[in-house]
N, C-alpha and C. Protein backbone atom coordinates (compact mmCIF):
# COMPACT_ATOMS: atom_id res chain seq x y z
N MET A 1 0.51 -17.00 4.06
CA MET A 1 1.17 -16.37 5.19
C MET A 1 2.66 -16.25 4.91
N LYS A 2 3.25 -15.16 5.35
CA LYS A 2 4.67 -14.91 5.13
C LYS A 2 5.52 -15.79 6.05
N ASN A 3 6.65 -16.26 5.51
CA ASN A 3 7.64 -16.90 6.36
C ASN A 3 8.56 -15.83 6.90
N ARG A 4 8.72 -15.80 8.20
CA ARG A 4 9.53 -14.77 8.85
C ARG A 4 10.91 -15.32 9.17
N LYS A 5 11.93 -14.53 8.88
CA LYS A 5 13.29 -14.89 9.24
C LYS A 5 13.55 -14.65 10.71
N ILE A 6 12.91 -13.61 11.24
CA ILE A 6 13.06 -13.26 12.65
C ILE A 6 11.72 -13.53 13.32
N PRO A 7 11.73 -14.23 14.44
CA PRO A 7 10.46 -14.53 15.11
C PRO A 7 9.73 -13.26 15.52
N LEU A 8 8.41 -13.34 15.49
CA LEU A 8 7.56 -12.22 15.89
C LEU A 8 7.73 -11.97 17.39
N ASN A 9 7.97 -10.71 17.75
CA ASN A 9 8.15 -10.34 19.15
C ASN A 9 7.24 -9.15 19.44
N LEU A 10 6.23 -9.39 20.26
CA LEU A 10 5.26 -8.34 20.55
C LEU A 10 5.21 -8.07 22.05
N ASN A 11 6.38 -8.01 22.68
CA ASN A 11 6.44 -7.90 24.13
C ASN A 11 6.48 -6.47 24.65
N CYS A 12 6.67 -5.49 23.79
CA CYS A 12 6.68 -4.11 24.27
C CYS A 12 6.13 -3.19 23.20
N GLY A 13 5.81 -1.97 23.61
CA GLY A 13 5.21 -1.01 22.70
C GLY A 13 6.05 -0.72 21.47
N LEU A 14 7.37 -0.65 21.64
CA LEU A 14 8.23 -0.36 20.49
C LEU A 14 8.20 -1.49 19.47
N ASP A 15 8.15 -2.73 19.95
CA ASP A 15 8.03 -3.86 19.03
C ASP A 15 6.70 -3.80 18.27
N LEU A 16 5.64 -3.45 18.97
CA LEU A 16 4.33 -3.35 18.34
C LEU A 16 4.31 -2.26 17.28
N ILE A 17 4.86 -1.10 17.61
CA ILE A 17 4.92 0.01 16.65
C ILE A 17 5.74 -0.39 15.43
N GLY A 18 6.88 -1.03 15.67
CA GLY A 18 7.71 -1.47 14.56
C GLY A 18 6.98 -2.43 13.64
N GLU A 19 6.21 -3.33 14.22
CA GLU A 19 5.46 -4.30 13.43
C GLU A 19 4.40 -3.61 12.57
N VAL A 20 3.74 -2.61 13.12
CA VAL A 20 2.65 -1.93 12.42
C VAL A 20 3.18 -0.91 11.40
N LEU A 21 4.26 -0.21 11.73
CA LEU A 21 4.74 0.88 10.87
C LEU A 21 5.97 0.52 10.04
N TYR A 22 6.47 -0.73 10.18
CA TYR A 22 7.62 -1.13 9.39
C TYR A 22 7.26 -1.08 7.92
N GLY A 23 8.04 -0.39 7.15
CA GLY A 23 7.80 -0.23 5.72
C GLY A 23 8.20 1.18 5.35
N LYS A 24 8.95 1.30 4.30
CA LYS A 24 9.55 2.58 3.94
C LYS A 24 8.54 3.70 3.76
N TRP A 25 7.34 3.39 3.28
CA TRP A 25 6.40 4.45 2.91
C TRP A 25 5.20 4.57 3.83
N LYS A 26 5.05 3.72 4.83
CA LYS A 26 3.83 3.70 5.63
C LYS A 26 3.57 5.01 6.37
N ILE A 27 4.58 5.57 6.99
CA ILE A 27 4.39 6.81 7.74
C ILE A 27 3.97 7.93 6.79
N ARG A 28 4.61 8.00 5.63
CA ARG A 28 4.24 9.02 4.65
C ARG A 28 2.83 8.79 4.12
N LEU A 29 2.45 7.53 3.89
CA LEU A 29 1.09 7.24 3.44
C LEU A 29 0.07 7.73 4.46
N LEU A 30 0.31 7.42 5.73
CA LEU A 30 -0.61 7.88 6.77
C LEU A 30 -0.71 9.40 6.78
N TRP A 31 0.43 10.06 6.67
CA TRP A 31 0.46 11.52 6.71
C TRP A 31 -0.30 12.12 5.52
N PHE A 32 -0.04 11.60 4.33
CA PHE A 32 -0.67 12.15 3.13
C PHE A 32 -2.18 11.85 3.10
N ILE A 33 -2.58 10.68 3.57
CA ILE A 33 -4.02 10.38 3.65
C ILE A 33 -4.68 11.35 4.62
N ASN A 34 -4.02 11.63 5.73
CA ASN A 34 -4.55 12.59 6.69
C ASN A 34 -4.68 13.98 6.08
N GLU A 35 -3.75 14.34 5.20
CA GLU A 35 -3.79 15.66 4.55
C GLU A 35 -4.88 15.74 3.48
N GLY A 36 -5.51 14.63 3.14
CA GLY A 36 -6.60 14.66 2.17
C GLY A 36 -6.29 14.01 0.84
N HIS A 37 -5.12 13.43 0.69
CA HIS A 37 -4.76 12.74 -0.55
C HIS A 37 -5.24 11.29 -0.42
N LYS A 38 -6.41 11.02 -0.95
CA LYS A 38 -7.08 9.76 -0.68
C LYS A 38 -7.08 8.78 -1.85
N ARG A 39 -6.88 9.25 -3.05
CA ARG A 39 -6.92 8.38 -4.23
C ARG A 39 -5.54 7.76 -4.46
N PRO A 40 -5.48 6.53 -4.97
CA PRO A 40 -4.18 5.90 -5.24
C PRO A 40 -3.28 6.74 -6.13
N SER A 41 -3.85 7.38 -7.15
CA SER A 41 -3.03 8.19 -8.06
C SER A 41 -2.45 9.41 -7.33
N GLU A 42 -3.22 10.00 -6.41
CA GLU A 42 -2.71 11.13 -5.63
C GLU A 42 -1.55 10.70 -4.74
N LEU A 43 -1.70 9.54 -4.11
CA LEU A 43 -0.62 9.03 -3.24
C LEU A 43 0.62 8.72 -4.06
N GLN A 44 0.43 8.17 -5.27
CA GLN A 44 1.56 7.87 -6.15
C GLN A 44 2.30 9.15 -6.53
N ARG A 45 1.56 10.23 -6.79
CA ARG A 45 2.19 11.51 -7.13
C ARG A 45 2.94 12.09 -5.93
N LYS A 46 2.42 11.88 -4.73
CA LYS A 46 3.09 12.40 -3.53
C LYS A 46 4.35 11.61 -3.20
N ILE A 47 4.39 10.34 -3.61
CA ILE A 47 5.54 9.47 -3.32
C ILE A 47 6.01 8.84 -4.64
N PRO A 48 6.59 9.63 -5.54
CA PRO A 48 6.93 9.11 -6.87
C PRO A 48 8.04 8.06 -6.87
N ASP A 49 8.86 8.01 -5.81
CA ASP A 49 9.93 7.02 -5.76
C ASP A 49 9.43 5.61 -5.47
N ALA A 50 8.21 5.50 -4.98
CA ALA A 50 7.64 4.19 -4.64
C ALA A 50 6.89 3.63 -5.84
N SER A 51 7.00 2.33 -6.04
CA SER A 51 6.24 1.70 -7.12
C SER A 51 4.78 1.55 -6.68
N ARG A 52 3.90 1.49 -7.64
CA ARG A 52 2.47 1.31 -7.33
C ARG A 52 2.27 0.01 -6.54
N ARG A 53 3.00 -1.04 -6.92
CA ARG A 53 2.88 -2.34 -6.25
C ARG A 53 3.24 -2.22 -4.77
N VAL A 54 4.35 -1.58 -4.46
CA VAL A 54 4.79 -1.44 -3.07
C VAL A 54 3.79 -0.59 -2.28
N LEU A 55 3.30 0.48 -2.89
CA LEU A 55 2.30 1.31 -2.20
C LEU A 55 1.05 0.48 -1.90
N ASN A 56 0.61 -0.32 -2.85
CA ASN A 56 -0.57 -1.16 -2.63
C ASN A 56 -0.35 -2.17 -1.51
N ILE A 57 0.83 -2.77 -1.48
CA ILE A 57 1.14 -3.74 -0.42
C ILE A 57 1.10 -3.04 0.94
N GLN A 58 1.74 -1.87 1.03
CA GLN A 58 1.80 -1.18 2.31
C GLN A 58 0.44 -0.63 2.71
N LEU A 59 -0.36 -0.16 1.75
CA LEU A 59 -1.72 0.28 2.06
C LEU A 59 -2.55 -0.90 2.58
N ASN A 60 -2.41 -2.07 1.97
CA ASN A 60 -3.14 -3.24 2.44
C ASN A 60 -2.72 -3.64 3.85
N GLU A 61 -1.44 -3.52 4.16
CA GLU A 61 -0.98 -3.80 5.53
C GLU A 61 -1.57 -2.80 6.52
N LEU A 62 -1.63 -1.52 6.12
CA LEU A 62 -2.24 -0.51 7.00
C LEU A 62 -3.73 -0.80 7.21
N ILE A 63 -4.39 -1.33 6.19
CA ILE A 63 -5.79 -1.73 6.33
C ILE A 63 -5.90 -2.90 7.30
N GLN A 64 -5.03 -3.90 7.15
CA GLN A 64 -5.04 -5.07 8.04
C GLN A 64 -4.80 -4.67 9.49
N HIS A 65 -3.98 -3.63 9.69
CA HIS A 65 -3.69 -3.17 11.05
C HIS A 65 -4.72 -2.15 11.55
N GLU A 66 -5.79 -1.97 10.79
CA GLU A 66 -6.93 -1.14 11.17
C GLU A 66 -6.58 0.34 11.33
N LEU A 67 -5.59 0.80 10.56
CA LEU A 67 -5.21 2.21 10.58
C LEU A 67 -5.85 2.96 9.42
N VAL A 68 -6.17 2.25 8.34
CA VAL A 68 -6.70 2.85 7.12
C VAL A 68 -7.89 2.01 6.66
N THR A 69 -8.88 2.67 6.06
CA THR A 69 -9.98 1.97 5.41
C THR A 69 -9.93 2.27 3.91
N LYS A 70 -10.48 1.34 3.15
CA LYS A 70 -10.51 1.48 1.69
C LYS A 70 -11.97 1.43 1.27
N LYS A 71 -12.38 2.45 0.52
CA LYS A 71 -13.74 2.48 0.00
C LYS A 71 -13.68 2.37 -1.52
N ILE A 72 -14.41 1.40 -2.06
CA ILE A 72 -14.48 1.20 -3.50
C ILE A 72 -15.87 1.66 -3.96
N PHE A 73 -15.89 2.62 -4.86
CA PHE A 73 -17.15 3.15 -5.38
C PHE A 73 -17.58 2.34 -6.59
N PRO A 74 -18.86 1.98 -6.69
CA PRO A 74 -19.34 1.16 -7.81
C PRO A 74 -19.59 1.98 -9.07
N VAL A 75 -18.52 2.48 -9.65
CA VAL A 75 -18.61 3.25 -10.88
C VAL A 75 -17.61 2.70 -11.89
N VAL A 76 -17.78 3.10 -13.14
CA VAL A 76 -16.83 2.71 -14.18
C VAL A 76 -16.19 3.97 -14.70
N PRO A 77 -14.87 4.08 -14.71
CA PRO A 77 -13.91 3.15 -14.16
C PRO A 77 -13.98 3.15 -12.62
N PRO A 78 -13.49 2.07 -11.99
CA PRO A 78 -13.57 1.97 -10.55
C PRO A 78 -12.87 3.14 -9.85
N LYS A 79 -13.46 3.58 -8.77
CA LYS A 79 -12.88 4.67 -7.98
C LYS A 79 -12.62 4.13 -6.58
N VAL A 80 -11.41 4.38 -6.08
CA VAL A 80 -11.00 3.92 -4.76
C VAL A 80 -10.54 5.11 -3.95
N GLU A 81 -10.90 5.14 -2.68
CA GLU A 81 -10.41 6.17 -1.77
C GLU A 81 -10.01 5.52 -0.45
N TYR A 82 -8.92 6.04 0.10
CA TYR A 82 -8.44 5.59 1.40
C TYR A 82 -8.70 6.68 2.42
N SER A 83 -8.97 6.28 3.64
CA SER A 83 -9.11 7.25 4.73
C SER A 83 -8.59 6.62 6.01
N LEU A 84 -8.24 7.48 6.95
CA LEU A 84 -7.75 6.99 8.24
C LEU A 84 -8.93 6.58 9.11
N THR A 85 -8.74 5.52 9.86
CA THR A 85 -9.72 5.14 10.87
C THR A 85 -9.51 6.04 12.08
N ASP A 86 -10.41 5.97 13.03
CA ASP A 86 -10.21 6.71 14.28
C ASP A 86 -8.92 6.26 14.95
N PHE A 87 -8.63 4.96 14.87
CA PHE A 87 -7.39 4.42 15.43
C PHE A 87 -6.18 5.00 14.69
N GLY A 88 -6.26 5.09 13.36
CA GLY A 88 -5.18 5.67 12.56
C GLY A 88 -4.95 7.14 12.88
N LEU A 89 -6.03 7.86 13.14
CA LEU A 89 -5.91 9.28 13.49
C LEU A 89 -5.09 9.49 14.76
N THR A 90 -5.09 8.51 15.66
CA THR A 90 -4.32 8.66 16.90
C THR A 90 -2.81 8.67 16.64
N LEU A 91 -2.39 8.20 15.47
CA LEU A 91 -0.96 8.21 15.13
C LEU A 91 -0.47 9.55 14.60
N ILE A 92 -1.36 10.39 14.12
CA ILE A 92 -0.96 11.64 13.48
C ILE A 92 -0.15 12.54 14.42
N PRO A 93 -0.54 12.74 15.69
CA PRO A 93 0.31 13.55 16.57
C PRO A 93 1.71 12.96 16.77
N VAL A 94 1.80 11.64 16.78
CA VAL A 94 3.10 10.97 16.93
C VAL A 94 3.96 11.21 15.69
N ILE A 95 3.36 11.05 14.52
CA ILE A 95 4.08 11.28 13.26
C ILE A 95 4.50 12.75 13.17
N SER A 96 3.62 13.65 13.58
CA SER A 96 3.93 15.08 13.58
C SER A 96 5.12 15.38 14.48
N ALA A 97 5.14 14.77 15.67
CA ALA A 97 6.26 14.98 16.60
C ALA A 97 7.57 14.46 16.01
N LEU A 98 7.53 13.32 15.34
CA LEU A 98 8.73 12.78 14.69
C LEU A 98 9.20 13.71 13.58
N GLY A 99 8.25 14.22 12.79
CA GLY A 99 8.60 15.16 11.72
C GLY A 99 9.21 16.44 12.27
N ASP A 100 8.66 16.96 13.37
CA ASP A 100 9.21 18.16 14.00
C ASP A 100 10.63 17.92 14.49
N TRP A 101 10.86 16.74 15.09
CA TRP A 101 12.20 16.40 15.57
C TRP A 101 13.18 16.33 14.40
N GLY A 102 12.74 15.72 13.29
CA GLY A 102 13.58 15.65 12.10
C GLY A 102 13.89 17.03 11.54
N ASP A 103 12.88 17.92 11.53
CA ASP A 103 13.09 19.29 11.04
C ASP A 103 14.08 20.04 11.92
N LYS A 104 13.95 19.90 13.23
CA LYS A 104 14.83 20.61 14.17
C LYS A 104 16.27 20.12 14.09
N ASN A 105 16.45 18.88 13.70
CA ASN A 105 17.78 18.27 13.64
C ASN A 105 18.20 17.94 12.21
N GLU A 106 17.61 18.64 11.26
CA GLU A 106 17.80 18.32 9.84
C GLU A 106 19.28 18.31 9.43
N GLU A 107 19.99 19.38 9.72
CA GLU A 107 21.39 19.47 9.28
C GLU A 107 22.24 18.37 9.90
N ARG A 108 22.08 18.16 11.19
CA ARG A 108 22.86 17.14 11.88
C ARG A 108 22.55 15.75 11.32
N LEU A 109 21.27 15.47 11.13
CA LEU A 109 20.89 14.16 10.61
C LEU A 109 21.40 13.95 9.18
N GLN A 110 21.33 14.99 8.35
CA GLN A 110 21.85 14.87 6.99
C GLN A 110 23.34 14.57 7.01
N ASN A 111 24.09 15.26 7.87
CA ASN A 111 25.54 15.03 7.96
C ASN A 111 25.84 13.61 8.43
N VAL A 112 25.14 13.15 9.44
CA VAL A 112 25.37 11.80 9.97
C VAL A 112 25.04 10.75 8.92
N ILE A 113 23.94 10.94 8.22
CA ILE A 113 23.54 9.97 7.20
C ILE A 113 24.54 9.96 6.05
N MET A 114 25.00 11.15 5.62
CA MET A 114 25.97 11.21 4.52
C MET A 114 27.30 10.58 4.94
N GLN A 115 27.72 10.79 6.17
CA GLN A 115 28.97 10.16 6.66
C GLN A 115 28.84 8.64 6.65
N THR A 116 27.67 8.15 7.01
CA THR A 116 27.46 6.71 7.02
C THR A 116 27.61 6.14 5.61
N PHE A 117 27.03 6.82 4.62
CA PHE A 117 27.14 6.35 3.24
C PHE A 117 28.56 6.44 2.71
N GLU A 118 29.30 7.48 3.11
CA GLU A 118 30.68 7.63 2.65
C GLU A 118 31.57 6.55 3.22
N ASN A 119 31.24 6.03 4.40
CA ASN A 119 32.06 5.00 5.05
C ASN A 119 31.72 3.59 4.60
N LEU A 120 30.72 3.43 3.74
CA LEU A 120 30.36 2.08 3.28
C LEU A 120 31.29 1.58 2.21
């Protein structure tokens, strides 16, 4: 079990969402699995900046949170596919809405983010 620096707080919906979706690549993993990219190698190609290890850790966390299932086929070499659970599918409209908001505010968000980095 992980030692937490900050105590677990599950008192409101935002805390719960943060606990389940915290991780740099989780939202993208959910989105790409929904789009049909189910094999680990496909997900790695869609997110080349992420290491295979980090993707595996975050995929396992999504499995633990019952958002994703993992199917291992009994073939040589082993074949693995990920898919969204019915519960995971309920997140897709939320992720889509966040993506739309980001697209609509792209220029402003890019400027704000770049200013933040320049001030560091």
